[in-house]
Amino acid sequence: MMKPVLRPAEKIRRILRRAEDTVLIVLLLGMIGLSVAQILLRNIWGSGILWADVLIRIMVLWIGLLGAMIAGRDDRHIRIDVLTRWLPPKIRSTVNALMKFLTSLICGIVAWHSIRFVRMEYVSGGTAFAGIPVWLCELLIPFAFTVISFRYFMLSCADFGKLFGAAKEKPGIIS
């Protein structure tokens, strides 16, 4: 059986998906391993790695942001779906497209302000652990929100395209 031929965009998309998943798994395993090591070092030898607690907190931040990016790529974020459940399908689709667009807009605003935040941290020159600058540890914040914003913008465009494209395909409507 022959493998299906993938377009270049699909190949890139698959590579990026694997890279995101791999980084998330490595961070999670590293955080668990470092936490276990800290517990053992403290309980058995009465000492630990000096900067491990700070690194673990940063890893939690990164895992959360990478998880949000991964959830955004397939529109799997948590949503409150109380009212849209009872709307007619066409209106529900429109509301969902608008919600995705608003999500994109809000994440874009957060990305912009997080860039300003990271810039302030850069100017202040603080270090997080082991001589690594704080701003470097926080650099994932604007990156993640930019990616989420872009993904939700693309999802909203696809939803709006389906809504307006479906109107053209109906019989009796002149294109």
C-alpha atoms as a PDB file:
ATOM      1  CA  MET A   1       0.000   0.000   0.000  1.00  0.00           C
ATOM      2  CA  MET A   2       1.386   3.410  -0.977  1.00  0.00           C
ATOM      3  CA  LYS A   3       1.643   6.279   1.458  1.00  0.00           C
ATOM      4  CA  PRO A   4      -0.460   9.297   0.560  1.00  0.00           C
ATOM      5  CA  VAL A   5       1.540  12.170  -0.917  1.00  0.00           C
ATOM      6  CA  LEU A   6       1.505  15.159   1.423  1.00  0.00           C
ATOM      7  CA  ARG A   7       1.627  18.747   0.295  1.00  0.00           C
ATOM      8  CA  PRO A   8       4.520  20.818   1.684  1.00  0.00           C
ATOM      9  CA  ALA A   9       2.197  22.806   3.960  1.00  0.00           C
ATOM     10  CA  GLU A  10       0.823  19.583   5.448  1.00  0.00           C
ATOM     11  CA  LYS A  11       4.353  18.248   6.006  1.00  0.00           C
ATOM     12  CA  ILE A  12       5.323  21.452   7.829  1.00  0.00           C
ATOM     13  CA  ARG A  13       2.134  21.288   9.888  1.00  0.00           C
ATOM     14  CA  ARG A  14       2.894  17.701  10.929  1.00  0.00           C
ATOM     15  CA  ILE A  15       6.488  18.559  11.837  1.00  0.00           C
ATOM     16  CA  LEU A  16       5.332  21.502  13.963  1.00  0.00           C
ATOM     17  CA  ARG A  17       2.695  19.355  15.702  1.00  0.00           C
ATOM     18  CA  ARG A  18       5.321  16.743  16.558  1.00  0.00           C
ATOM     19  CA  ALA A  19       7.754  19.420  17.737  1.00  0.00           C
ATOM     20  CA  GLU A  20       5.138  20.981  20.036  1.00  0.00           C
ATOM     21  CA  ASP A  21       4.140  17.597  21.430  1.00  0.00           C
ATOM     22  CA  THR A  22       7.777  16.573  21.914  1.00  0.00           C
ATOM     23  CA  VAL A  23       8.743  19.791  23.715  1.00  0.00           C
ATOM     24  CA  LEU A  24       5.706  19.445  25.986  1.00  0.00           C
ATOM     25  CA  ILE A  25       6.548  15.832  26.842  1.00  0.00           C
ATOM     26  CA  VAL A  26      10.238  16.606  27.454  1.00  0.00           C
ATOM     27  CA  LEU A  27       9.334  19.529  29.717  1.00  0.00           C
ATOM     28  CA  LEU A  28       6.820  17.450  31.659  1.00  0.00           C
ATOM     29  CA  LEU A  29       9.215  14.540  32.120  1.00  0.00           C
ATOM     30  CA  GLY A  30      12.031  16.937  33.033  1.00  0.00           C
ATOM     31  CA  MET A  31       9.839  18.692  35.584  1.00  0.00           C
ATOM     32  CA  ILE A  32       8.761  15.393  37.139  1.00  0.00           C
ATOM     33  CA  GLY A  33      12.347  14.119  37.215  1.00  0.00           C
ATOM     34  CA  LEU A  34      13.669  17.321  38.747  1.00  0.00           C
ATOM     35  CA  SER A  35      10.885  17.344  41.346  1.00  0.00           C
ATOM     36  CA  VAL A  36      11.581  13.740  42.331  1.00  0.00           C
ATOM     37  CA  ALA A  37      15.305  14.490  42.522  1.00  0.00           C
ATOM     38  CA  GLN A  38      14.620  17.486  44.772  1.00  0.00           C
ATOM     39  CA  ILE A  39      12.442  15.394  47.078  1.00  0.00           C
ATOM     40  CA  LEU A  40      15.044  12.629  47.316  1.00  0.00           C
ATOM     41  CA  LEU A  41      17.941  15.040  47.817  1.00  0.00           C
ATOM     42  CA  ARG A  42      16.117  16.919  50.569  1.00  0.00           C
ATOM     43  CA  ASN A  43      14.784  13.874  52.404  1.00  0.00           C
ATOM     44  CA  ILE A  44      17.825  11.617  52.126  1.00  0.00           C
ATOM     45  CA  TRP A  45      20.808  13.977  52.073  1.00  0.00           C
ATOM     46  CA  GLY A  46      19.283  17.103  53.571  1.00  0.00           C
ATOM     47  CA  SER A  47      20.143  19.284  50.589  1.00  0.00           C
ATOM     48  CA  GLY A  48      18.892  19.968  47.096  1.00  0.00           C
ATOM     49  CA  ILE A  49      19.633  21.762  43.882  1.00  0.00           C
ATOM     50  CA  LEU A  50      19.639  25.449  44.737  1.00  0.00           C
ATOM     51  CA  TRP A  51      17.859  26.697  41.617  1.00  0.00           C
ATOM     52  CA  ALA A  52      15.566  23.706  41.018  1.00  0.00           C
ATOM     53  CA  ASP A  53      12.461  25.224  42.622  1.00  0.00           C
ATOM     54  CA  VAL A  54      12.627  28.311  40.402  1.00  0.00           C
ATOM     55  CA  LEU A  55      13.216  26.165  37.317  1.00  0.00           C
ATOM     56  CA  ILE A  56      10.248  23.948  38.206  1.00  0.00           C
ATOM     57  CA  ARG A  57       7.987  27.020  38.496  1.00  0.00           C
ATOM     58  CA  ILE A  58       9.176  28.219  35.092  1.00  0.00           C
ATOM     59  CA  MET A  59       8.598  24.748  33.646  1.00  0.00           C
ATOM     60  CA  VAL A  60       5.018  24.822  34.985  1.00  0.00           C
ATOM     61  CA  LEU A  61       4.481  28.134  33.159  1.00  0.00           C
ATOM     62  CA  TRP A  62       5.934  26.749  29.948  1.00  0.00           C
ATOM     63  CA  ILE A  63       3.901  23.530  30.175  1.00  0.00           C
ATOM     64  CA  GLY A  64       0.721  25.540  30.688  1.00  0.00           C
ATOM     65  CA  LEU A  65       1.439  27.814  27.729  1.00  0.00           C
ATOM     66  CA  LEU A  66       2.480  24.957  25.437  1.00  0.00           C
ATOM     67  CA  GLY A  67      -0.656  23.065  26.495  1.00  0.00           C
ATOM     68  CA  ALA A  68      -2.733  26.128  25.593  1.00  0.00           C
ATOM     69  CA  MET A  69      -1.020  26.326  22.192  1.00  0.00           C
ATOM     70  CA  ILE A  70      -1.717  22.646  21.576  1.00  0.00           C
ATOM     71  CA  ALA A  71      -5.347  23.019  22.659  1.00  0.00           C
ATOM     72  CA  GLY A  72      -5.710  25.985  20.314  1.00  0.00           C
ATOM     73  CA  ARG A  73      -4.447  24.163  17.255  1.00  0.00           C
ATOM     74  CA  ASP A  74      -7.517  21.893  17.237  1.00  0.00           C
ATOM     75  CA  ASP A  75      -9.991  24.291  18.909  1.00  0.00           C
ATOM     76  CA  ARG A  76     -10.054  22.247  22.118  1.00  0.00           C
ATOM     77  CA  HIS A  77      -9.951  25.051  24.661  1.00  0.00           C
ATOM     78  CA  ILE A  78     -12.412  25.003  27.526  1.00  0.00           C
ATOM     79  CA  ARG A  79     -15.502  26.999  26.668  1.00  0.00           C
ATOM     80  CA  ILE A  80     -18.690  27.959  28.436  1.00  0.00           C
ATOM     81  CA  ASP A  81     -21.417  26.640  26.195  1.00  0.00           C
ATOM     82  CA  VAL A  82     -24.561  27.500  28.125  1.00  0.00           C
ATOM     83  CA  LEU A  83     -26.455  29.618  25.591  1.00  0.00           C
ATOM     84  CA  THR A  84     -25.150  28.436  22.232  1.00  0.00           C
ATOM     85  CA  ARG A  85     -26.443  24.940  22.899  1.00  0.00           C
ATOM     86  CA  TRP A  86     -30.044  26.069  22.303  1.00  0.00           C
ATOM     87  CA  LEU A  87     -29.417  28.306  19.295  1.00  0.00           C
ATOM     88  CA  PRO A  88     -30.396  27.260  15.779  1.00  0.00           C
ATOM     89  CA  PRO A  89     -27.459  25.723  13.880  1.00  0.00           C
ATOM     90  CA  LYS A  90     -26.845  28.708  11.566  1.00  0.00           C
ATOM     91  CA  ILE A  91     -26.829  31.202  14.447  1.00  0.00           C
ATOM     92  CA  ARG A  92     -24.717  28.831  16.569  1.00  0.00           C
ATOM     93  CA  SER A  93     -22.146  28.624  13.771  1.00  0.00           C
ATOM     94  CA  THR A  94     -22.070  32.412  13.477  1.00  0.00           C
ATOM     95  CA  VAL A  95     -21.666  32.852  17.240  1.00  0.00           C
ATOM     96  CA  ASN A  96     -18.878  30.248  17.307  1.00  0.00           C
ATOM     97  CA  ALA A  97     -17.053  32.024  14.466  1.00  0.00           C
ATOM     98  CA  LEU A  98     -17.403  35.343  16.291  1.00  0.00           C
ATOM     99  CA  MET A  99     -16.161  33.785  19.538  1.00  0.00           C
ATOM    100  CA  LYS A 100     -13.090  32.428  17.767  1.00  0.00           C
ATOM    101  CA  PHE A 101     -12.428  35.847  16.274  1.00  0.00           C
ATOM    102  CA  LEU A 102     -12.803  37.511  19.695  1.00  0.00           C
ATOM    103  CA  THR A 103     -10.513  34.885  21.222  1.00  0.00           C
ATOM    104  CA  SER A 104      -7.952  35.731  18.552  1.00  0.00           C
ATOM    105  CA  LEU A 105      -8.315  39.442  19.255  1.00  0.00           C
ATOM    106  CA  ILE A 106      -7.955  39.032  23.033  1.00  0.00           C
ATOM    107  CA  CYS A 107      -4.949  36.726  22.691  1.00  0.00           C
ATOM    108  CA  GLY A 108      -3.387  39.250  20.311  1.00  0.00           C
ATOM    109  CA  ILE A 109      -3.834  41.994  22.911  1.00  0.00           C
ATOM    110  CA  VAL A 110      -2.330  39.774  25.606  1.00  0.00           C
ATOM    111  CA  ALA A 111       0.578  38.970  23.262  1.00  0.00           C
ATOM    112  CA  TRP A 112       1.215  42.667  22.686  1.00  0.00           C
ATOM    113  CA  HIS A 113       1.223  43.491  26.386  1.00  0.00           C
ATOM    114  CA  SER A 114       3.338  40.455  27.214  1.00  0.00           C
ATOM    115  CA  ILE A 115       5.931  41.725  24.721  1.00  0.00           C
ATOM    116  CA  ARG A 116       5.959  44.977  26.670  1.00  0.00           C
ATOM    117  CA  PHE A 117       6.304  42.993  29.914  1.00  0.00           C
ATOM    118  CA  VAL A 118       9.235  40.941  28.611  1.00  0.00           C
ATOM    119  CA  ARG A 119      10.862  44.146  27.359  1.00  0.00           C
ATOM    120  CA  MET A 120      10.594  45.657  30.865  1.00  0.00           C
ATOM    121  CA  GLU A 121      12.155  42.511  32.338  1.00  0.00           C
ATOM    122  CA  TYR A 122      14.965  42.773  29.790  1.00  0.00           C
ATOM    123  CA  VAL A 123      15.655  46.371  30.802  1.00  0.00           C
ATOM    124  CA  SER A 124      15.593  45.508  34.523  1.00  0.00           C
ATOM    125  CA  GLY A 125      18.263  42.838  33.963  1.00  0.00           C
ATOM    126  CA  GLY A 126      17.142  40.359  36.629  1.00  0.00           C
ATOM    127  CA  THR A 127      18.216  36.724  36.692  1.00  0.00           C
ATOM    128  CA  ALA A 128      15.916  33.773  37.266  1.00  0.00           C
ATOM    129  CA  PHE A 129      18.358  30.983  38.131  1.00  0.00           C
ATOM    130  CA  ALA A 130      21.890  29.892  37.319  1.00  0.00           C
ATOM    131  CA  GLY A 131      22.621  33.213  35.633  1.00  0.00           C
ATOM    132  CA  ILE A 132      19.773  32.881  33.111  1.00  0.00           C
ATOM    133  CA  PRO A 133      17.936  36.188  32.597  1.00  0.00           C
ATOM    134  CA  VAL A 134      14.301  36.389  33.682  1.00  0.00           C
ATOM    135  CA  TRP A 135      13.209  37.791  30.320  1.00  0.00           C
ATOM    136  CA  LEU A 136      14.512  34.702  28.552  1.00  0.00           C
ATOM    137  CA  CYS A 137      12.338  32.472  30.735  1.00  0.00           C
ATOM    138  CA  GLU A 138       9.305  34.674  30.016  1.00  0.00           C
ATOM    139  CA  LEU A 139       9.848  34.843  26.266  1.00  0.00           C
ATOM    140  CA  LEU A 140       7.400  32.000  25.696  1.00  0.00           C
ATOM    141  CA  ILE A 141       4.498  34.147  26.972  1.00  0.00           C
ATOM    142  CA  PRO A 142       4.252  36.486  23.957  1.00  0.00           C
ATOM    143  CA  PHE A 143       5.172  33.664  21.586  1.00  0.00           C
ATOM    144  CA  ALA A 144       2.419  31.370  22.906  1.00  0.00           C
ATOM    145  CA  PHE A 145      -0.267  34.055  22.857  1.00  0.00           C
ATOM    146  CA  THR A 146       0.759  35.091  19.341  1.00  0.00           C
ATOM    147  CA  VAL A 147       0.471  31.486  18.149  1.00  0.00           C
ATOM    148  CA  ILE A 148      -2.901  31.035  19.885  1.00  0.00           C
ATOM    149  CA  SER A 149      -4.128  34.327  18.410  1.00  0.00           C
ATOM    150  CA  PHE A 150      -3.040  33.283  14.928  1.00  0.00           C
ATOM    151  CA  ARG A 151      -4.613  29.840  15.244  1.00  0.00           C
ATOM    152  CA  TYR A 152      -7.948  31.215  16.424  1.00  0.00           C
ATOM    153  CA  PHE A 153      -7.887  33.830  13.684  1.00  0.00           C
ATOM    154  CA  MET A 154      -7.416  31.046  11.132  1.00  0.00           C
ATOM    155  CA  LEU A 155     -10.176  28.973  12.770  1.00  0.00           C
ATOM    156  CA  SER A 156     -12.534  31.962  12.663  1.00  0.00           C
ATOM    157  CA  CYS A 157     -11.681  32.591   9.006  1.00  0.00           C
ATOM    158  CA  ALA A 158     -12.425  28.942   8.215  1.00  0.00           C
ATOM    159  CA  ASP A 159     -15.754  29.140  10.079  1.00  0.00           C
ATOM    160  CA  PHE A 160     -16.742  32.383   8.348  1.00  0.00           C
ATOM    161  CA  GLY A 161     -15.696  30.828   5.042  1.00  0.00           C
ATOM    162  CA  LYS A 162     -17.990  27.868   5.676  1.00  0.00           C
ATOM    163  CA  LEU A 163     -20.848  30.191   6.601  1.00  0.00           C
ATOM    164  CA  PHE A 164     -20.520  32.407   3.546  1.00  0.00           C
ATOM    165  CA  GLY A 165     -19.395  29.604   1.237  1.00  0.00           C
ATOM    166  CA  ALA A 166     -22.450  27.549   2.157  1.00  0.00           C
ATOM    167  CA  ALA A 167     -24.730  30.391   1.011  1.00  0.00           C
ATOM    168  CA  LYS A 168     -23.151  30.328  -2.474  1.00  0.00           C
ATOM    169  CA  GLU A 169     -23.642  26.578  -2.869  1.00  0.00           C
ATOM    170  CA  LYS A 170     -27.384  26.600  -2.218  1.00  0.00           C
ATOM    171  CA  PRO A 171     -29.475  25.971  -5.328  1.00  0.00           C
ATOM    172  CA  GLY A 172     -31.341  28.950  -6.692  1.00  0.00           C
ATOM    173  CA  ILE A 173     -28.874  31.542  -5.438  1.00  0.00           C
ATOM    174  CA  ILE A 174     -27.054  33.448  -8.154  1.00  0.00           C
ATOM    175  CA  SER A 175     -23.312  33.690  -7.612  1.00  0.00           C
END
